[in-house]
């Protein structure tokens, strides 16, 4: 079953919740706040323990958006869950590398490879 919000589309694939980002540029403070709330509710309200963030459509993430992803990763780890990110653009990956976040997150090149990390 898929659920869609203004900025995200959620779908359950087996026991993994796949989150597809719908915006190319995640910059706006209100947008980032809304995305954060929706992502956090997966963990805090729905007790989801396996989350795949698909960044296929995303060209740019602001520092605030990165902060929300870091916070989400912490929440997932706190409940012994797993979080993976796939289809990250080269530009975004370079930011993750520069900030050493590539060592913090499970980053996979494509969707299928990322899904395999949950089995």
PDB file of N, CA and C in Angstrom:
ATOM      1  N   UNK A   1       0.846  -1.184   0.000  1.00  0.00           N
ATOM      2  CA  UNK A   1       0.000   0.000   0.000  1.00  0.00           C
ATOM      3  C   UNK A   1       0.890   1.246   0.000  1.00  0.00           C
ATOM      4  N   UNK A   2       0.576   2.180  -0.834  1.00  0.00           N
ATOM      5  CA  UNK A   2       1.373   3.404  -0.947  1.00  0.00           C
ATOM      6  C   UNK A   2       0.624   4.575  -0.311  1.00  0.00           C
ATOM      7  N   UNK A   3       1.364   5.461   0.296  1.00  0.00           N
ATOM      8  CA  UNK A   3       0.814   6.677   0.875  1.00  0.00           C
ATOM      9  C   UNK A   3       1.648   7.832   0.343  1.00  0.00           C
ATOM     10  N   UNK A   4       0.987   8.911  -0.018  1.00  0.00           N
ATOM     11  CA  UNK A   4       1.693  10.042  -0.601  1.00  0.00           C
ATOM     12  C   UNK A   4       1.358  11.317   0.152  1.00  0.00           C
ATOM     13  N   UNK A   5       2.374  12.115   0.396  1.00  0.00           N
ATOM     14  CA  UNK A   5       2.175  13.435   0.966  1.00  0.00           C
ATOM     15  C   UNK A   5       2.636  14.438  -0.093  1.00  0.00           C
ATOM     16  N   UNK A   6       2.694  15.687   0.269  1.00  0.00           N
ATOM     17  CA  UNK A   6       3.129  16.709  -0.672  1.00  0.00           C
ATOM     18  C   UNK A   6       4.573  16.490  -1.113  1.00  0.00           C
ATOM     19  N   UNK A   7       5.422  16.044  -0.191  1.00  0.00           N
ATOM     20  CA  UNK A   7       6.858  15.957  -0.469  1.00  0.00           C
ATOM     21  C   UNK A   7       7.393  14.537  -0.570  1.00  0.00           C
ATOM     22  N   UNK A   8       6.639  13.571  -0.052  1.00  0.00           N
ATOM     23  CA  UNK A   8       7.124  12.195   0.018  1.00  0.00           C
ATOM     24  C   UNK A   8       6.058  11.220  -0.436  1.00  0.00           C
ATOM     25  N   UNK A   9       6.503  10.085  -0.952  1.00  0.00           N
ATOM     26  CA  UNK A   9       5.592   8.978  -1.244  1.00  0.00           C
ATOM     27  C   UNK A   9       6.120   7.764  -0.505  1.00  0.00           C
ATOM     28  N   UNK A  10       5.260   7.144   0.280  1.00  0.00           N
ATOM     29  CA  UNK A  10       5.637   5.984   1.085  1.00  0.00           C
ATOM     30  C   UNK A  10       5.025   4.739   0.476  1.00  0.00           C
ATOM     31  N   UNK A  11       5.815   3.666   0.448  1.00  0.00           N
ATOM     32  CA  UNK A  11       5.237   2.389   0.051  1.00  0.00           C
ATOM     33  C   UNK A  11       5.908   1.278   0.834  1.00  0.00           C
ATOM     34  N   UNK A  12       5.126   0.263   1.170  1.00  0.00           N
ATOM     35  CA  UNK A  12       5.657  -0.885   1.886  1.00  0.00           C
ATOM     36  C   UNK A  12       6.013  -1.966   0.883  1.00  0.00           C
ATOM     37  N   UNK A  13       7.265  -2.401   0.947  1.00  0.00           N
ATOM     38  CA  UNK A  13       7.741  -3.496   0.100  1.00  0.00           C
ATOM     39  C   UNK A  13       8.226  -4.563   1.069  1.00  0.00           C
ATOM     40  N   UNK A  14       7.381  -5.574   1.269  1.00  0.00           N
ATOM     41  CA  UNK A  14       7.671  -6.548   2.323  1.00  0.00           C
ATOM     42  C   UNK A  14       7.639  -5.820   3.656  1.00  0.00           C
ATOM     43  N   UNK A  15       8.705  -5.987   4.438  1.00  0.00           N
ATOM     44  CA  UNK A  15       8.750  -5.317   5.741  1.00  0.00           C
ATOM     45  C   UNK A  15       9.575  -4.034   5.713  1.00  0.00           C
ATOM     46  N   UNK A  16       9.878  -3.550   4.512  1.00  0.00           N
ATOM     47  CA  UNK A  16      10.647  -2.319   4.345  1.00  0.00           C
ATOM     48  C   UNK A  16       9.706  -1.195   3.897  1.00  0.00           C
ATOM     49  N   UNK A  17       9.822  -0.050   4.542  1.00  0.00           N
ATOM     50  CA  UNK A  17       9.076   1.125   4.106  1.00  0.00           C
ATOM     51  C   UNK A  17       9.998   1.947   3.214  1.00  0.00           C
ATOM     52  N   UNK A  18       9.601   2.097   1.958  1.00  0.00           N
ATOM     53  CA  UNK A  18      10.381   2.855   0.983  1.00  0.00           C
ATOM     54  C   UNK A  18       9.810   4.270   0.939  1.00  0.00           C
ATOM     55  N   UNK A  19      10.703   5.237   1.089  1.00  0.00           N
ATOM     56  CA  UNK A  19      10.312   6.645   1.065  1.00  0.00           C
ATOM     57  C   UNK A  19      10.916   7.269  -0.184  1.00  0.00           C
ATOM     58  N   UNK A  20      10.052   7.688  -1.098  1.00  0.00           N
ATOM     59  CA  UNK A  20      10.488   8.364  -2.316  1.00  0.00           C
ATOM     60  C   UNK A  20      10.281   9.860  -2.148  1.00  0.00           C
ATOM     61  N   UNK A  21      11.344  10.611  -2.353  1.00  0.00           N
ATOM     62  CA  UNK A  21      11.268  12.061  -2.262  1.00  0.00           C
ATOM     63  C   UNK A  21      10.743  12.604  -3.587  1.00  0.00           C
ATOM     64  N   UNK A  22       9.773  13.505  -3.530  1.00  0.00           N
ATOM     65  CA  UNK A  22       9.116  14.001  -4.731  1.00  0.00           C
ATOM     66  C   UNK A  22       9.692  15.323  -5.230  1.00  0.00           C
ATOM     67  N   UNK A  23      10.412  16.037  -4.368  1.00  0.00           N
ATOM     68  CA  UNK A  23      10.969  17.338  -4.748  1.00  0.00           C
ATOM     69  C   UNK A  23      12.410  17.193  -5.217  1.00  0.00           C
ATOM     70  N   UNK A  24      12.769  17.974  -6.233  1.00  0.00           N
ATOM     71  CA  UNK A  24      14.148  17.969  -6.734  1.00  0.00           C
ATOM     72  C   UNK A  24      15.088  18.704  -5.787  1.00  0.00           C
ATOM     73  N   UNK A  25      14.585  19.777  -5.208  1.00  0.00           N
ATOM     74  CA  UNK A  25      15.417  20.603  -4.330  1.00  0.00           C
ATOM     75  C   UNK A  25      14.728  20.708  -2.979  1.00  0.00           C
ATOM     76  N   UNK A  26      15.434  20.284  -1.941  1.00  0.00           N
ATOM     77  CA  UNK A  26      14.864  20.315  -0.598  1.00  0.00           C
ATOM     78  C   UNK A  26      15.582  21.422   0.171  1.00  0.00           C
ATOM     79  N   UNK A  27      14.967  22.599   0.118  1.00  0.00           N
ATOM     80  CA  UNK A  27      15.595  23.813   0.637  1.00  0.00           C
ATOM     81  C   UNK A  27      14.727  24.573   1.628  1.00  0.00           C
ATOM     82  N   UNK A  28      13.446  24.637   1.342  1.00  0.00           N
ATOM     83  CA  UNK A  28      12.513  25.463   2.103  1.00  0.00           C
ATOM     84  C   UNK A  28      12.368  24.966   3.540  1.00  0.00           C
ATOM     85  N   UNK A  29      12.440  25.898   4.480  1.00  0.00           N
ATOM     86  CA  UNK A  29      12.381  25.554   5.903  1.00  0.00           C
ATOM     87  C   UNK A  29      11.095  24.805   6.256  1.00  0.00           C
ATOM     88  N   UNK A  30       9.962  25.276   5.753  1.00  0.00           N
ATOM     89  CA  UNK A  30       8.675  24.634   6.047  1.00  0.00           C
ATOM     90  C   UNK A  30       8.630  23.232   5.425  1.00  0.00           C
ATOM     91  N   UNK A  31       9.134  23.100   4.212  1.00  0.00           N
ATOM     92  CA  UNK A  31       9.188  21.806   3.529  1.00  0.00           C
ATOM     93  C   UNK A  31      10.036  20.816   4.341  1.00  0.00           C
ATOM     94  N   UNK A  32      11.197  21.262   4.796  1.00  0.00           N
ATOM     95  CA  UNK A  32      12.107  20.402   5.558  1.00  0.00           C
ATOM     96  C   UNK A  32      11.476  20.001   6.884  1.00  0.00           C
ATOM     97  N   UNK A  33      10.793  20.932   7.529  1.00  0.00           N
ATOM     98  CA  UNK A  33      10.108  20.636   8.788  1.00  0.00           C
ATOM     99  C   UNK A  33       9.048  19.558   8.573  1.00  0.00           C
ATOM    100  N   UNK A  34       8.266  19.705   7.520  1.00  0.00           N
ATOM    101  CA  UNK A  34       7.205  18.744   7.201  1.00  0.00           C
ATOM    102  C   UNK A  34       7.803  17.367   6.895  1.00  0.00           C
ATOM    103  N   UNK A  35       8.850  17.328   6.088  1.00  0.00           N
ATOM    104  CA  UNK A  35       9.509  16.067   5.752  1.00  0.00           C
ATOM    105  C   UNK A  35      10.040  15.403   7.022  1.00  0.00           C
ATOM    106  N   UNK A  36      10.680  16.186   7.874  1.00  0.00           N
ATOM    107  CA  UNK A  36      11.201  15.647   9.128  1.00  0.00           C
ATOM    108  C   UNK A  36      10.109  15.035   9.980  1.00  0.00           C
ATOM    109  N   UNK A  37       9.011  15.749  10.132  1.00  0.00           N
ATOM    110  CA  UNK A  37       7.897  15.250  10.944  1.00  0.00           C
ATOM    111  C   UNK A  37       7.356  13.939  10.380  1.00  0.00           C
ATOM    112  N   UNK A  38       7.213  13.871   9.053  1.00  0.00           N
ATOM    113  CA  UNK A  38       6.684  12.655   8.439  1.00  0.00           C
ATOM    114  C   UNK A  38       7.656  11.488   8.594  1.00  0.00           C
ATOM    115  N   UNK A  39       8.946  11.738   8.414  1.00  0.00           N
ATOM    116  CA  UNK A  39       9.937  10.677   8.574  1.00  0.00           C
ATOM    117  C   UNK A  39      10.010  10.212  10.025  1.00  0.00           C
ATOM    118  N   UNK A  40      10.014  11.157  10.959  1.00  0.00           N
ATOM    119  CA  UNK A  40      10.102  10.789  12.371  1.00  0.00           C
ATOM    120  C   UNK A  40       8.880  10.001  12.820  1.00  0.00           C
ATOM    121  N   UNK A  41       7.704  10.323  12.262  1.00  0.00           N
ATOM    122  CA  UNK A  41       6.487   9.610  12.661  1.00  0.00           C
ATOM    123  C   UNK A  41       6.543   8.135  12.254  1.00  0.00           C
ATOM    124  N   UNK A  42       7.304   7.813  11.199  1.00  0.00           N
ATOM    125  CA  UNK A  42       7.461   6.405  10.817  1.00  0.00           C
ATOM    126  C   UNK A  42       8.029   5.607  11.984  1.00  0.00           C
ATOM    127  N   UNK A  43       9.010   6.182  12.647  1.00  0.00           N
ATOM    128  CA  UNK A  43       9.701   5.509  13.745  1.00  0.00           C
ATOM    129  C   UNK A  43       8.936   5.668  15.057  1.00  0.00           C
ATOM    130  N   UNK A  44       8.545   6.900  15.366  1.00  0.00           N
ATOM    131  CA  UNK A  44       7.975   7.203  16.674  1.00  0.00           C
ATOM    132  C   UNK A  44       6.525   6.774  16.834  1.00  0.00           C
ATOM    133  N   UNK A  45       5.747   6.829  15.768  1.00  0.00           N
ATOM    134  CA  UNK A  45       4.325   6.508  15.881  1.00  0.00           C
ATOM    135  C   UNK A  45       3.966   5.168  15.245  1.00  0.00           C
ATOM    136  N   UNK A  46       4.632   4.824  14.159  1.00  0.00           N
ATOM    137  CA  UNK A  46       4.277   3.603  13.436  1.00  0.00           C
ATOM    138  C   UNK A  46       5.217   2.431  13.735  1.00  0.00           C
ATOM    139  N   UNK A  47       6.258   2.681  14.527  1.00  0.00           N
ATOM    140  CA  UNK A  47       7.226   1.641  14.904  1.00  0.00           C
ATOM    141  C   UNK A  47       7.848   0.925  13.704  1.00  0.00           C
ATOM    142  N   UNK A  48       8.118   1.676  12.649  1.00  0.00           N
ATOM    143  CA  UNK A  48       8.768   1.127  11.456  1.00  0.00           C
ATOM    144  C   UNK A  48      10.258   0.978  11.773  1.00  0.00           C
ATOM    145  N   UNK A  49      10.821  -0.191  11.497  1.00  0.00           N
ATOM    146  CA  UNK A  49      12.233  -0.436  11.828  1.00  0.00           C
ATOM    147  C   UNK A  49      13.128  -0.581  10.601  1.00  0.00           C
ATOM    148  N   UNK A  50      12.536  -0.665   9.414  1.00  0.00           N
ATOM    149  CA  UNK A  50      13.334  -0.780   8.193  1.00  0.00           C
ATOM    150  C   UNK A  50      12.862   0.285   7.201  1.00  0.00           C
ATOM    151  N   UNK A  51      13.759   1.247   6.931  1.00  0.00           N
ATOM    152  CA  UNK A  51      13.400   2.379   6.075  1.00  0.00           C
ATOM    153  C   UNK A  51      14.440   2.543   4.981  1.00  0.00           C
ATOM    154  N   UNK A  52      13.953   2.666   3.760  1.00  0.00           N
ATOM    155  CA  UNK A  52      14.818   2.952   2.614  1.00  0.00           C
ATOM    156  C   UNK A  52      14.437   4.315   2.061  1.00  0.00           C
ATOM    157  N   UNK A  53      15.394   5.235   2.062  1.00  0.00           N
ATOM    158  CA  UNK A  53      15.177   6.568   1.497  1.00  0.00           C
ATOM    159  C   UNK A  53      15.681   6.552   0.055  1.00  0.00           C
ATOM    160  N   UNK A  54      14.768   6.737  -0.882  1.00  0.00           N
ATOM    161  CA  UNK A  54      15.115   6.736  -2.303  1.00  0.00           C
ATOM    162  C   UNK A  54      15.241   8.190  -2.761  1.00  0.00           C
ATOM    163  N   UNK A  55      16.478   8.613  -3.051  1.00  0.00           N
ATOM    164  CA  UNK A  55      16.734  10.001  -3.429  1.00  0.00           C
ATOM    165  C   UNK A  55      16.806  10.186  -4.946  1.00  0.00           C
ATOM    166  N   UNK A  56      16.207   9.292  -5.684  1.00  0.00           N
ATOM    167  CA  UNK A  56      16.261   9.310  -7.150  1.00  0.00           C
ATOM    168  C   UNK A  56      15.907  10.673  -7.743  1.00  0.00           C
ATOM    169  N   UNK A  57      14.908  11.337  -7.211  1.00  0.00           N
ATOM    170  CA  UNK A  57      14.442  12.615  -7.775  1.00  0.00           C
ATOM    171  C   UNK A  57      15.161  13.832  -7.215  1.00  0.00           C
ATOM    172  N   UNK A  58      16.010  13.643  -6.205  1.00  0.00           N
ATOM    173  CA  UNK A  58      16.590  14.778  -5.480  1.00  0.00           C
ATOM    174  C   UNK A  58      17.903  15.238  -6.113  1.00  0.00           C
ATOM    175  N   UNK A  59      17.962  16.535  -6.395  1.00  0.00           N
ATOM    176  CA  UNK A  59      19.183  17.129  -6.944  1.00  0.00           C
ATOM    177  C   UNK A  59      19.954  17.909  -5.888  1.00  0.00           C
ATOM    178  N   UNK A  60      19.245  18.404  -4.866  1.00  0.00           N
ATOM    179  CA  UNK A  60      19.902  19.226  -3.862  1.00  0.00           C
ATOM    180  C   UNK A  60      19.228  19.069  -2.502  1.00  0.00           C
ATOM    181  N   UNK A  61      20.055  18.901  -1.462  1.00  0.00           N
ATOM    182  CA  UNK A  61      19.586  18.850  -0.078  1.00  0.00           C
ATOM    183  C   UNK A  61      20.274  19.962   0.692  1.00  0.00           C
ATOM    184  N   UNK A  62      19.537  20.747   1.436  1.00  0.00           N
ATOM    185  CA  UNK A  62      20.157  21.787   2.255  1.00  0.00           C
ATOM    186  C   UNK A  62      20.781  21.159   3.501  1.00  0.00           C
ATOM    187  N   UNK A  63      21.579  21.946   4.194  1.00  0.00           N
ATOM    188  CA  UNK A  63      22.188  21.483   5.445  1.00  0.00           C
ATOM    189  C   UNK A  63      21.107  21.112   6.464  1.00  0.00           C
ATOM    190  N   UNK A  64      20.018  21.859   6.481  1.00  0.00           N
ATOM    191  CA  UNK A  64      18.912  21.541   7.401  1.00  0.00           C
ATOM    192  C   UNK A  64      18.293  20.188   7.081  1.00  0.00           C
ATOM    193  N   UNK A  65      18.162  19.895   5.791  1.00  0.00           N
ATOM    194  CA  UNK A  65      17.619  18.599   5.379  1.00  0.00           C
ATOM    195  C   UNK A  65      18.564  17.477   5.807  1.00  0.00           C
ATOM    196  N   UNK A  66      19.861  17.703   5.657  1.00  0.00           N
ATOM    197  CA  UNK A  66      20.845  16.709   6.119  1.00  0.00           C
ATOM    198  C   UNK A  66      20.694  16.481   7.615  1.00  0.00           C
ATOM    199  N   UNK A  67      20.462  17.555   8.348  1.00  0.00           N
ATOM    200  CA  UNK A  67      20.255  17.443   9.788  1.00  0.00           C
ATOM    201  C   UNK A  67      19.078  16.540  10.124  1.00  0.00           C
ATOM    202  N   UNK A  68      18.001  16.663   9.366  1.00  0.00           N
ATOM    203  CA  UNK A  68      16.823  15.804   9.588  1.00  0.00           C
ATOM    204  C   UNK A  68      17.166  14.348   9.312  1.00  0.00           C
ATOM    205  N   UNK A  69      17.964  14.086   8.278  1.00  0.00           N
ATOM    206  CA  UNK A  69      18.351  12.709   7.971  1.00  0.00           C
ATOM    207  C   UNK A  69      19.237  12.134   9.075  1.00  0.00           C
ATOM    208  N   UNK A  70      20.130  12.954   9.601  1.00  0.00           N
ATOM    209  CA  UNK A  70      20.987  12.512  10.708  1.00  0.00           C
ATOM    210  C   UNK A  70      20.131  12.182  11.926  1.00  0.00           C
ATOM    211  N   UNK A  71      19.166  13.054  12.206  1.00  0.00           N
ATOM    212  CA  UNK A  71      18.264  12.828  13.342  1.00  0.00           C
ATOM    213  C   UNK A  71      17.442  11.557  13.141  1.00  0.00           C
ATOM    214  N   UNK A  72      16.935  11.352  11.926  1.00  0.00           N
ATOM    215  CA  UNK A  72      16.176  10.135  11.621  1.00  0.00           C
ATOM    216  C   UNK A  72      17.052   8.905  11.835  1.00  0.00           C
ATOM    217  N   UNK A  73      18.286   8.958  11.362  1.00  0.00           N
ATOM    218  CA  UNK A  73      19.203   7.828  11.517  1.00  0.00           C
ATOM    219  C   UNK A  73      19.394   7.492  12.997  1.00  0.00           C
ATOM    220  N   UNK A  74      19.519   8.513  13.824  1.00  0.00           N
ATOM    221  CA  UNK A  74      19.649   8.294  15.264  1.00  0.00           C
ATOM    222  C   UNK A  74      18.423   7.636  15.864  1.00  0.00           C
ATOM    223  N   UNK A  75      17.257   8.073  15.443  1.00  0.00           N
ATOM    224  CA  UNK A  75      16.003   7.499  15.947  1.00  0.00           C
ATOM    225  C   UNK A  75      15.876   6.038  15.530  1.00  0.00           C
ATOM    226  N   UNK A  76      16.258   5.738  14.295  1.00  0.00           N
ATOM    227  CA  UNK A  76      16.176   4.360  13.799  1.00  0.00           C
ATOM    228  C   UNK A  76      17.149   3.468  14.559  1.00  0.00           C
ATOM    229  N   UNK A  77      18.358   3.944  14.765  1.00  0.00           N
ATOM    230  CA  UNK A  77      19.366   3.150  15.502  1.00  0.00           C
ATOM    231  C   UNK A  77      18.938   2.910  16.941  1.00  0.00           C
ATOM    232  N   UNK A  78      18.278   3.899  17.526  1.00  0.00           N
ATOM    233  CA  UNK A  78      17.841   3.796  18.923  1.00  0.00           C
ATOM    234  C   UNK A  78      16.871   2.634  19.124  1.00  0.00           C
ATOM    235  N   UNK A  79      16.101   2.302  18.095  1.00  0.00           N
ATOM    236  CA  UNK A  79      15.145   1.192  18.199  1.00  0.00           C
ATOM    237  C   UNK A  79      15.683  -0.070  17.504  1.00  0.00           C
ATOM    238  N   UNK A  80      16.999  -0.088  17.270  1.00  0.00           N
ATOM    239  CA  UNK A  80      17.658  -1.223  16.607  1.00  0.00           C
ATOM    240  C   UNK A  80      17.096  -1.495  15.221  1.00  0.00           C
ATOM    241  N   UNK A  81      16.696  -0.425  14.544  1.00  0.00           N
ATOM    242  CA  UNK A  81      16.199  -0.549  13.181  1.00  0.00           C
ATOM    243  C   UNK A  81      17.322  -0.345  12.177  1.00  0.00           C
ATOM    244  N   UNK A  82      16.939  -0.349  10.905  1.00  0.00           N
ATOM    245  CA  UNK A  82      17.925  -0.139   9.845  1.00  0.00           C
ATOM    246  C   UNK A  82      17.405   0.884   8.850  1.00  0.00           C
ATOM    247  N   UNK A  83      18.325   1.746   8.427  1.00  0.00           N
ATOM    248  CA  UNK A  83      18.026   2.798   7.466  1.00  0.00           C
ATOM    249  C   UNK A  83      19.038   2.711   6.342  1.00  0.00           C
ATOM    250  N   UNK A  84      18.559   2.782   5.113  1.00  0.00           N
ATOM    251  CA  UNK A  84      19.454   2.816   3.956  1.00  0.00           C
ATOM    252  C   UNK A  84      19.019   3.956   3.045  1.00  0.00           C
ATOM    253  N   UNK A  85      19.967   4.429   2.242  1.00  0.00           N
ATOM    254  CA  UNK A  85      19.695   5.482   1.265  1.00  0.00           C
ATOM    255  C   UNK A  85      20.167   4.976  -0.088  1.00  0.00           C
ATOM    256  N   UNK A  86      19.360   5.215  -1.123  1.00  0.00           N
ATOM    257  CA  UNK A  86      19.767   4.786  -2.466  1.00  0.00           C
ATOM    258  C   UNK A  86      19.518   5.885  -3.496  1.00  0.00           C
ATOM    259  N   UNK A  87      20.106   5.674  -4.668  1.00  0.00           N
ATOM    260  CA  UNK A  87      19.936   6.571  -5.821  1.00  0.00           C
ATOM    261  C   UNK A  87      20.323   8.013  -5.504  1.00  0.00           C
ATOM    262  N   UNK A  88      21.430   8.174  -4.803  1.00  0.00           N
ATOM    263  CA  UNK A  88      21.916   9.500  -4.436  1.00  0.00           C
ATOM    264  C   UNK A  88      22.731  10.063  -5.605  1.00  0.00           C
ATOM    265  N   UNK A  89      22.491  11.325  -5.936  1.00  0.00           N
ATOM    266  CA  UNK A  89      23.250  11.952  -7.018  1.00  0.00           C
ATOM    267  C   UNK A  89      24.717  12.086  -6.608  1.00  0.00           C
ATOM    268  N   UNK A  90      25.583  12.216  -7.582  1.00  0.00           N
ATOM    269  CA  UNK A  90      27.016  12.363  -7.313  1.00  0.00           C
ATOM    270  C   UNK A  90      27.274  13.589  -6.431  1.00  0.00           C
ATOM    271  N   UNK A  91      26.564  14.678  -6.718  1.00  0.00           N
ATOM    272  CA  UNK A  91      26.753  15.920  -5.960  1.00  0.00           C
ATOM    273  C   UNK A  91      26.376  15.741  -4.491  1.00  0.00           C
ATOM    274  N   UNK A  92      25.267  15.095  -4.251  1.00  0.00           N
ATOM    275  CA  UNK A  92      24.845  14.873  -2.870  1.00  0.00           C
ATOM    276  C   UNK A  92      25.805  13.905  -2.182  1.00  0.00           C
ATOM    277  N   UNK A  93      26.235  12.867  -2.902  1.00  0.00           N
ATOM    278  CA  UNK A  93      27.179  11.917  -2.312  1.00  0.00           C
ATOM    279  C   UNK A  93      28.479  12.614  -1.912  1.00  0.00           C
ATOM    280  N   UNK A  94      28.926  13.557  -2.727  1.00  0.00           N
ATOM    281  CA  UNK A  94      30.156  14.280  -2.413  1.00  0.00           C
ATOM    282  C   UNK A  94      30.014  15.064  -1.104  1.00  0.00           C
ATOM    283  N   UNK A  95      28.836  15.616  -0.859  1.00  0.00           N
ATOM    284  CA  UNK A  95      28.586  16.315   0.408  1.00  0.00           C
ATOM    285  C   UNK A  95      28.660  15.317   1.562  1.00  0.00           C
ATOM    286  N   UNK A  96      28.067  14.139   1.380  1.00  0.00           N
ATOM    287  CA  UNK A  96      28.120  13.103   2.415  1.00  0.00           C
ATOM    288  C   UNK A  96      29.572  12.687   2.669  1.00  0.00           C
ATOM    289  N   UNK A  97      30.360  12.580   1.613  1.00  0.00           N
ATOM    290  CA  UNK A  97      31.778  12.226   1.763  1.00  0.00           C
ATOM    291  C   UNK A  97      32.547  13.306   2.524  1.00  0.00           C
ATOM    292  N   UNK A  98      32.360  14.551   2.113  1.00  0.00           N
ATOM    293  CA  UNK A  98      33.081  15.668   2.747  1.00  0.00           C
ATOM    294  C   UNK A  98      32.763  15.781   4.234  1.00  0.00           C
ATOM    295  N   UNK A  99      31.529  15.485   4.591  1.00  0.00           N
ATOM    296  CA  UNK A  99      31.103  15.597   5.989  1.00  0.00           C
ATOM    297  C   UNK A  99      31.243  14.276   6.742  1.00  0.00           C
ATOM    298  N   UNK A 100      31.799  13.285   6.065  1.00  0.00           N
ATOM    299  CA  UNK A 100      32.006  11.935   6.629  1.00  0.00           C
ATOM    300  C   UNK A 100      30.695  11.199   6.917  1.00  0.00           C
ATOM    301  N   UNK A 101      29.594  11.711   6.393  1.00  0.00           N
ATOM    302  CA  UNK A 101      28.308  11.042   6.592  1.00  0.00           C
ATOM    303  C   UNK A 101      28.211   9.748   5.785  1.00  0.00           C
ATOM    304  N   UNK A 102      29.086   9.585   4.791  1.00  0.00           N
ATOM    305  CA  UNK A 102      29.102   8.333   4.033  1.00  0.00           C
ATOM    306  C   UNK A 102      29.528   7.171   4.934  1.00  0.00           C
ATOM    307  N   UNK A 103      30.177   7.472   6.071  1.00  0.00           N
ATOM    308  CA  UNK A 103      30.579   6.440   7.041  1.00  0.00           C
ATOM    309  C   UNK A 103      29.465   6.166   8.050  1.00  0.00           C
ATOM    310  N   UNK A 104      28.519   7.097   8.152  1.00  0.00           N
ATOM    311  CA  UNK A 104      27.432   7.001   9.128  1.00  0.00           C
ATOM    312  C   UNK A 104      26.223   6.276   8.544  1.00  0.00           C
ATOM    313  N   UNK A 105      25.935   6.555   7.261  1.00  0.00           N
ATOM    314  CA  UNK A 105      24.747   6.016   6.609  1.00  0.00           C
ATOM    315  C   UNK A 105      25.073   4.795   5.748  1.00  0.00           C
ATOM    316  N   UNK A 106      24.095   3.926   5.605  1.00  0.00           N
ATOM    317  CA  UNK A 106      24.178   2.807   4.662  1.00  0.00           C
ATOM    318  C   UNK A 106      23.723   3.356   3.312  1.00  0.00           C
ATOM    319  N   UNK A 107      24.680   3.713   2.471  1.00  0.00           N
ATOM    320  CA  UNK A 107      24.374   4.319   1.170  1.00  0.00           C
ATOM    321  C   UNK A 107      24.620   3.282   0.078  1.00  0.00           C
ATOM    322  N   UNK A 108      23.598   3.038  -0.721  1.00  0.00           N
ATOM    323  CA  UNK A 108      23.690   2.081  -1.824  1.00  0.00           C
ATOM    324  C   UNK A 108      23.421   2.796  -3.139  1.00  0.00           C
ATOM    325  N   UNK A 109      24.063   2.311  -4.178  1.00  0.00           N
ATOM    326  CA  UNK A 109      23.955   2.976  -5.478  1.00  0.00           C
ATOM    327  C   UNK A 109      22.545   2.904  -6.058  1.00  0.00           C
ATOM    328  N   UNK A 110      21.908   1.736  -5.939  1.00  0.00           N
ATOM    329  CA  UNK A 110      20.595   1.583  -6.573  1.00  0.00           C
ATOM    330  C   UNK A 110      19.596   0.920  -5.625  1.00  0.00           C
ATOM    331  N   UNK A 111      18.361   0.946  -6.045  1.00  0.00           N
ATOM    332  CA  UNK A 111      17.228   0.444  -5.247  1.00  0.00           C
ATOM    333  C   UNK A 111      17.377  -1.039  -4.907  1.00  0.00           C
ATOM    334  N   UNK A 112      17.661  -1.879  -5.904  1.00  0.00           N
ATOM    335  CA  UNK A 112      17.732  -3.324  -5.664  1.00  0.00           C
ATOM    336  C   UNK A 112      18.841  -3.677  -4.689  1.00  0.00           C
ATOM    337  N   UNK A 113      19.991  -3.069  -4.848  1.00  0.00           N
ATOM    338  CA  UNK A 113      21.109  -3.327  -3.933  1.00  0.00           C
ATOM    339  C   UNK A 113      20.736  -2.891  -2.511  1.00  0.00           C
ATOM    340  N   UNK A 114      20.096  -1.757  -2.412  1.00  0.00           N
ATOM    341  CA  UNK A 114      19.671  -1.264  -1.101  1.00  0.00           C
ATOM    342  C   UNK A 114      18.669  -2.207  -0.454  1.00  0.00           C
ATOM    343  N   UNK A 115      17.707  -2.698  -1.226  1.00  0.00           N
ATOM    344  CA  UNK A 115      16.706  -3.616  -0.680  1.00  0.00           C
ATOM    345  C   UNK A 115      17.361  -4.903  -0.167  1.00  0.00           C
ATOM    346  N   UNK A 116      18.414  -5.353  -0.836  1.00  0.00           N
ATOM    347  CA  UNK A 116      19.108  -6.578  -0.412  1.00  0.00           C
ATOM    348  C   UNK A 116      19.754  -6.410   0.966  1.00  0.00           C
ATOM    349  N   UNK A 117      20.104  -5.175   1.333  1.00  0.00           N
ATOM    350  CA  UNK A 117      20.748  -4.965   2.637  1.00  0.00           C
ATOM    351  C   UNK A 117      19.775  -5.204   3.795  1.00  0.00           C
ATOM    352  N   UNK A 118      18.495  -5.291   3.528  1.00  0.00           N
ATOM    353  CA  UNK A 118      17.500  -5.524   4.568  1.00  0.00           C
ATOM    354  C   UNK A 118      17.205  -7.012   4.773  1.00  0.00           C
ATOM    355  N   UNK A 119      17.671  -7.870   3.853  1.00  0.00           N
ATOM    356  CA  UNK A 119      17.331  -9.298   4.004  1.00  0.00           C
ATOM    357  C   UNK A 119      18.344 -10.063   4.802  1.00  0.00           C
TER     358      UNK A 119
END
